[in-house]
């Protein structure tokens, strides 16, 4: 009887092992097969191109990629170039202001929209409309508005205000703020919609409890509502941040990096060196530094967001 039981147990284990493998490999098989093209695309295009970019950034490639290894020469040249240093400074300055003001204005507009105002759908559509435009269109529109001769400045002076000045795209000290205005005009509406969705997800009972406890409305938003909207805030930060890092077309359409190099950004630096100056090695070195910056920011965030949460 004991031998029979042992053999029975071994047979059960043998039966259980295939079933476990079946559950792992055959579960949702159609979905896994459907994901193969996307996985192949990620492996070949994204990872492959990333490795290609990093490798050729250590070469002296000019018009065509070559295998002449030069070590860190391209990076030494990169950080000794004033144009690159100005580009990085501009991106950091623009990024900080853009992130803060987009989140701030987006949240304030969402709070106003959440007051059950009349014609809410119409106002929401109007606020979201700029996001439907490309950055090229946005840049051209604001270029016309900020043109010192034909835009707002010229219009106001023709109306009699001779001292009115609004020449930010021609002023090296103010051109970044001109970019910021155009970027906020396009991005705040989308942030508002995200925030509004988060506010509409807050249980009404929380508001009732806050009013019963005598907590001021502003304190309820800061101490209760915003922590509950953590997922929405993270999504907004990631989307806004990705737009900041790849800032290119707005700059080209609005200022083309001018006046001088006062509004240059890293993405434009990469494009110019790879396709205009014919220096692939230098352009790929700049692209690698952009990738490294993104990884330095994203990897700790991903670890805290997912890895740290899994241990708690």
Protein backbone atom coordinates (compact mmCIF):
# COMPACT_ATOMS: atom_id res chain seq x y z
CA UNK A 1 0.00 0.00 0.00
CA UNK A 2 2.86 2.37 0.84
CA UNK A 3 4.60 1.61 -2.47
CA UNK A 4 1.36 2.24 -4.27
CA UNK A 5 0.95 5.56 -2.52
CA UNK A 6 4.51 6.57 -3.38
CA UNK A 7 4.05 5.68 -7.01
CA UNK A 8 0.72 7.48 -6.99
CA UNK A 9 2.34 10.62 -5.55
CA UNK A 10 5.14 10.53 -8.12
CA UNK A 11 2.58 10.14 -10.87
CA UNK A 12 0.62 13.10 -9.55
CA UNK A 13 3.78 15.21 -9.56
CA UNK A 14 4.53 14.17 -13.12
CA UNK A 15 1.01 15.12 -14.11
CA UNK A 16 1.22 18.39 -12.21
CA UNK A 17 4.46 19.48 -13.87
CA UNK A 18 3.10 19.49 -17.42
CA UNK A 19 -0.01 21.28 -16.28
CA UNK A 20 2.11 23.98 -14.63
CA UNK A 21 4.14 24.40 -17.82
CA UNK A 22 0.94 24.55 -19.79
CA UNK A 23 -0.38 27.28 -17.55
CA UNK A 24 2.82 29.31 -17.99
CA UNK A 25 3.40 28.93 -21.70
CA UNK A 26 -0.05 28.19 -23.09
CA UNK A 27 -2.08 30.65 -21.05
CA UNK A 28 -3.32 33.44 -23.31
CA UNK A 29 -1.28 32.00 -26.16
CA UNK A 30 -3.05 34.07 -28.80
CA UNK A 31 -2.14 37.27 -26.97
CA UNK A 32 1.51 36.24 -26.72
CA UNK A 33 1.64 35.40 -30.40
CA UNK A 34 0.05 38.75 -31.25
CA UNK A 35 2.72 40.52 -29.15
CA UNK A 36 5.63 38.92 -31.04
CA UNK A 37 5.81 41.64 -33.77
CA UNK A 38 5.86 44.39 -31.15
CA UNK A 39 8.50 42.60 -29.08
CA UNK A 40 10.60 42.06 -32.20
CA UNK A 41 10.23 45.74 -33.09
CA UNK A 42 11.36 46.79 -29.61
CA UNK A 43 14.35 44.45 -29.65
CA UNK A 44 15.50 45.22 -33.19
CA UNK A 45 14.54 48.87 -33.66
CA UNK A 46 14.77 50.41 -30.21
CA UNK A 47 17.49 48.37 -28.50
CA UNK A 48 19.40 47.76 -31.74
CA UNK A 49 19.37 51.43 -32.74
CA UNK A 50 20.35 52.44 -29.20
CA UNK A 51 23.40 50.18 -29.31
CA UNK A 52 24.22 51.48 -32.82
CA UNK A 53 23.97 55.07 -31.58
CA UNK A 54 26.21 54.51 -28.57
CA UNK A 55 28.83 52.59 -30.59
CA UNK A 56 29.20 55.13 -33.38
CA UNK A 57 29.31 58.00 -30.88
CA UNK A 58 32.83 56.74 -30.07
CA UNK A 59 33.93 57.00 -33.71
CA UNK A 60 34.99 59.86 -35.96
CA UNK A 61 32.07 59.28 -38.35
CA UNK A 62 31.37 62.17 -40.67
CA UNK A 63 28.91 61.87 -43.57
CA UNK A 64 28.68 58.07 -43.15
CA UNK A 65 29.15 55.86 -40.09
CA UNK A 66 32.66 54.42 -39.90
CA UNK A 67 34.45 52.08 -37.55
CA UNK A 68 37.34 54.41 -36.67
CA UNK A 69 37.29 54.33 -32.88
CA UNK A 70 38.39 57.59 -31.22
CA UNK A 71 37.33 56.97 -27.62
CA UNK A 72 35.81 59.91 -25.78
CA UNK A 73 37.01 62.54 -28.25
CA UNK A 74 33.47 63.30 -29.45
CA UNK A 75 32.27 63.79 -25.87
CA UNK A 76 35.22 66.03 -24.99
CA UNK A 77 34.43 68.14 -28.03
CA UNK A 78 30.74 68.11 -27.13
CA UNK A 79 31.20 69.57 -23.66
CA UNK A 80 33.74 72.10 -24.88
CA UNK A 81 31.26 73.49 -27.43
CA UNK A 82 29.40 76.56 -26.22
CA UNK A 83 26.42 75.73 -28.43
CA UNK A 84 25.86 72.41 -26.61
CA UNK A 85 26.26 73.98 -23.18
CA UNK A 86 23.78 76.71 -24.08
CA UNK A 87 21.38 74.05 -25.42
CA UNK A 88 21.49 72.07 -22.17
CA UNK A 89 21.02 75.20 -20.06
CA UNK A 90 18.07 76.27 -22.18
CA UNK A 91 16.42 72.86 -21.93
CA UNK A 92 16.82 72.73 -18.15
CA UNK A 93 15.43 76.26 -17.76
CA UNK A 94 12.55 75.65 -20.13
CA UNK A 95 11.85 72.25 -18.59
CA UNK A 96 11.61 73.48 -15.01
CA UNK A 97 9.30 76.37 -15.87
CA UNK A 98 7.23 74.28 -18.27
CA UNK A 99 6.72 71.44 -15.79
CA UNK A 100 5.79 73.71 -12.90
CA UNK A 101 3.47 76.03 -14.83
CA UNK A 102 1.81 73.29 -16.88
CA UNK A 103 0.96 71.28 -13.77
CA UNK A 104 -0.04 74.37 -11.82
CA UNK A 105 -2.26 75.98 -14.45
CA UNK A 106 -3.65 72.61 -15.49
CA UNK A 107 -4.70 71.82 -11.92
CA UNK A 108 -6.21 75.27 -11.32
CA UNK A 109 -8.23 75.08 -14.54
CA UNK A 110 -9.37 71.57 -13.63
CA UNK A 111 -10.54 72.81 -10.24
CA UNK A 112 -12.54 75.58 -11.92
CA UNK A 113 -14.03 73.12 -14.42
CA UNK A 114 -14.97 70.79 -11.57
CA UNK A 115 -17.37 73.38 -10.13
CA UNK A 116 -20.15 72.18 -12.48
CA UNK A 117 -20.11 75.40 -14.51
CA UNK A 118 -22.42 75.99 -17.45
CA UNK A 119 -21.16 75.17 -20.94
CA UNK A 120 -18.44 73.04 -19.41
CA UNK A 121 -18.13 70.87 -22.52
CA UNK A 122 -17.64 73.93 -24.73
CA UNK A 123 -14.96 75.40 -22.45
CA UNK A 124 -13.22 72.05 -22.16
CA UNK A 125 -13.14 71.70 -25.95
CA UNK A 126 -11.78 75.22 -26.38
CA UNK A 127 -9.03 74.61 -23.82
CA UNK A 128 -8.09 71.27 -25.38
CA UNK A 129 -8.12 72.52 -28.97
CA UNK A 130 -4.49 73.81 -29.01
CA UNK A 131 -3.28 70.31 -28.10
CA UNK A 132 -4.73 69.04 -31.39
CA UNK A 133 -2.34 71.29 -33.31
CA UNK A 134 1.22 70.30 -34.13
CA UNK A 135 4.10 72.22 -32.58
CA UNK A 136 4.99 73.52 -36.05
CA UNK A 137 1.59 75.20 -36.35
CA UNK A 138 1.81 76.50 -32.80
CA UNK A 139 5.27 77.91 -33.44
CA UNK A 140 4.19 79.67 -36.64
CA UNK A 141 1.09 81.15 -34.99
CA UNK A 142 3.06 82.54 -32.07
CA UNK A 143 5.80 83.73 -34.42
CA UNK A 144 3.23 85.92 -36.15
CA UNK A 145 1.87 87.14 -32.81
CA UNK A 146 5.33 87.98 -31.42
CA UNK A 147 6.76 89.44 -34.60
CA UNK A 148 7.94 92.94 -33.57
CA UNK A 149 6.86 94.45 -36.88
CA UNK A 150 3.68 92.60 -37.84
CA UNK A 151 2.48 91.10 -34.57
CA UNK A 152 1.12 92.39 -31.30
CA UNK A 153 3.79 95.05 -30.88
CA UNK A 154 3.19 96.51 -34.34
CA UNK A 155 -0.60 96.40 -33.88
CA UNK A 156 -0.50 98.22 -30.54
CA UNK A 157 1.86 100.88 -31.86
CA UNK A 158 -0.36 101.46 -34.88
CA UNK A 159 -3.22 102.03 -32.43
CA UNK A 160 -1.28 104.78 -30.69
CA UNK A 161 0.72 103.03 -27.94
CA UNK A 162 4.14 103.94 -29.32
CA UNK A 163 5.99 102.77 -26.23
CA UNK A 164 4.43 99.27 -26.24
CA UNK A 165 7.13 96.60 -26.54
CA UNK A 166 6.71 92.88 -27.11
CA UNK A 167 9.81 91.73 -28.99
CA UNK A 168 10.62 88.62 -27.00
CA UNK A 169 11.58 86.42 -29.98
CA UNK A 170 14.18 89.04 -30.95
CA UNK A 171 15.48 89.48 -27.40
CA UNK A 172 18.11 86.90 -26.33
CA UNK A 173 17.15 87.33 -22.66
CA UNK A 174 13.43 86.79 -23.23
CA UNK A 175 13.30 84.31 -26.10
CA UNK A 176 13.02 81.29 -23.77
CA UNK A 177 9.93 82.82 -22.20
CA UNK A 178 8.45 83.26 -25.67
CA UNK A 179 8.94 79.52 -26.18
CA UNK A 180 7.44 78.89 -22.77
CA UNK A 181 4.28 80.87 -23.59
CA UNK A 182 3.77 78.93 -26.81
CA UNK A 183 4.41 75.61 -25.08
CA UNK A 184 2.02 76.39 -22.23
CA UNK A 185 -0.67 77.49 -24.67
CA UNK A 186 -0.54 74.07 -26.29
CA UNK A 187 0.02 71.82 -23.29
CA UNK A 188 -2.01 73.25 -20.41
CA UNK A 189 -5.36 72.13 -21.86
CA UNK A 190 -4.30 68.49 -22.04
CA UNK A 191 -2.96 68.62 -18.48
CA UNK A 192 -6.27 70.17 -17.40
CA UNK A 193 -8.21 67.24 -18.89
CA UNK A 194 -6.00 64.72 -17.06
CA UNK A 195 -6.40 66.58 -13.78
CA UNK A 196 -10.15 66.91 -14.29
CA UNK A 197 -10.45 63.16 -14.78
CA UNK A 198 -8.57 62.66 -11.52
CA UNK A 199 -10.79 65.13 -9.66
CA UNK A 200 -13.94 63.45 -10.97
CA UNK A 201 -12.63 60.17 -9.54
CA UNK A 202 -12.58 61.51 -5.97
CA UNK A 203 -15.43 60.15 -3.91
CA UNK A 204 -18.06 62.76 -2.99
CA UNK A 205 -18.14 61.42 0.57
CA UNK A 206 -14.62 62.73 1.10
CA UNK A 207 -15.77 66.25 0.33
CA UNK A 208 -18.73 65.86 2.68
CA UNK A 209 -16.48 64.60 5.48
CA UNK A 210 -14.07 67.51 4.95
CA UNK A 211 -16.91 70.03 5.14
CA UNK A 212 -18.26 68.39 8.32
CA UNK A 213 -14.80 68.57 9.92
CA UNK A 214 -14.51 72.23 8.95
CA UNK A 215 -11.42 71.73 6.75
CA UNK A 216 -10.93 74.64 4.32
CA UNK A 217 -11.41 73.80 0.65
CA UNK A 218 -7.85 74.71 -0.31
CA UNK A 219 -6.50 72.48 2.46
CA UNK A 220 -8.67 69.61 1.26
CA UNK A 221 -7.23 69.91 -2.23
CA UNK A 222 -3.63 69.98 -1.00
CA UNK A 223 -3.77 67.44 1.83
CA UNK A 224 -6.42 65.00 0.61
CA UNK A 225 -7.23 65.32 -3.09
CA UNK A 226 -3.72 65.69 -4.53
CA UNK A 227 -2.34 62.60 -2.71
CA UNK A 228 -5.30 60.62 -4.04
CA UNK A 229 -4.45 61.78 -7.57
CA UNK A 230 -0.90 60.43 -7.39
CA UNK A 231 -1.37 58.20 -10.46
CA UNK A 232 -2.72 61.07 -12.54
CA UNK A 233 0.11 63.35 -11.43
CA UNK A 234 2.74 60.75 -12.32
CA UNK A 235 1.16 60.28 -15.77
CA UNK A 236 1.11 64.03 -16.34
CA UNK A 237 4.74 64.43 -15.27
CA UNK A 238 5.90 61.61 -17.56
CA UNK A 239 4.00 63.01 -20.56
CA UNK A 240 5.16 66.58 -19.96
CA UNK A 241 8.72 65.43 -19.32
CA UNK A 242 8.86 63.43 -22.54
CA UNK A 243 7.66 66.49 -24.46
CA UNK A 244 10.35 68.64 -22.85
CA UNK A 245 13.21 66.26 -23.68
CA UNK A 246 12.22 66.01 -27.35
CA UNK A 247 11.57 69.73 -27.76
CA UNK A 248 12.55 70.54 -31.32
CA UNK A 249 9.80 71.52 -33.76
CA UNK A 250 8.47 74.38 -31.62
CA UNK A 251 11.95 75.92 -31.50
CA UNK A 252 12.47 75.51 -35.25
CA UNK A 253 9.11 77.06 -36.11
CA UNK A 254 9.22 79.91 -33.59
CA UNK A 255 12.86 81.02 -33.35
CA UNK A 256 15.03 78.53 -35.31
CA UNK A 257 17.41 78.62 -32.36
CA UNK A 258 17.91 82.38 -32.50
CA UNK A 259 18.64 85.08 -32.01
CA UNK A 260 22.14 83.69 -32.39
CA UNK A 261 22.17 80.47 -30.35
CA UNK A 262 20.12 81.85 -27.45
CA UNK A 263 17.23 79.38 -27.93
CA UNK A 264 19.12 76.28 -29.07
CA UNK A 265 18.05 72.93 -27.58
CA UNK A 266 19.79 69.51 -27.58
CA UNK A 267 17.44 67.90 -30.11
CA UNK A 268 18.17 70.67 -32.61
CA UNK A 269 21.89 70.28 -31.94
CA UNK A 270 21.65 66.57 -32.76
CA UNK A 271 19.69 67.17 -35.95
CA UNK A 272 21.98 69.94 -37.20
CA UNK A 273 25.18 67.95 -36.68
CA UNK A 274 23.82 64.74 -38.19
CA UNK A 275 22.09 66.16 -41.25
CA UNK A 276 23.38 69.70 -41.82
CA UNK A 277 26.97 69.74 -40.58
CA UNK A 278 27.66 66.17 -41.73
CA UNK A 279 29.17 65.05 -38.41
CA UNK A 280 27.40 61.87 -37.42
CA UNK A 281 29.79 61.06 -34.57
CA UNK A 282 29.18 64.40 -32.86
CA UNK A 283 25.42 64.19 -33.35
CA UNK A 284 25.29 60.65 -31.94
CA UNK A 285 27.39 61.69 -28.94
CA UNK A 286 24.84 64.40 -28.19
CA UNK A 287 21.99 61.90 -28.69
CA UNK A 288 23.69 59.47 -26.29
CA UNK A 289 23.93 62.16 -23.63
CA UNK A 290 20.21 62.88 -24.05
CA UNK A 291 19.48 59.16 -23.62
CA UNK A 292 21.71 58.97 -20.56
CA UNK A 293 19.93 61.95 -19.01
CA UNK A 294 16.55 60.29 -19.51
CA UNK A 295 17.82 57.05 -17.96
CA UNK A 296 19.26 58.88 -14.95
CA UNK A 297 15.84 60.44 -14.34
CA UNK A 298 13.61 57.49 -15.24
CA UNK A 299 15.43 54.52 -13.67
CA UNK A 300 15.30 55.80 -10.05
CA UNK A 301 11.69 56.84 -10.56
CA UNK A 302 10.75 53.41 -11.97
CA UNK A 303 12.56 51.70 -9.09
CA UNK A 304 10.76 53.77 -6.46
CA UNK A 305 7.42 53.47 -8.26
CA UNK A 306 7.46 49.73 -8.91
CA UNK A 307 10.38 48.05 -7.14
CA UNK A 308 9.91 49.79 -3.82
CA UNK A 309 6.16 49.26 -3.91
CA UNK A 310 6.60 45.51 -4.45
CA UNK A 311 8.56 45.12 -1.18
CA UNK A 312 6.06 46.96 0.97
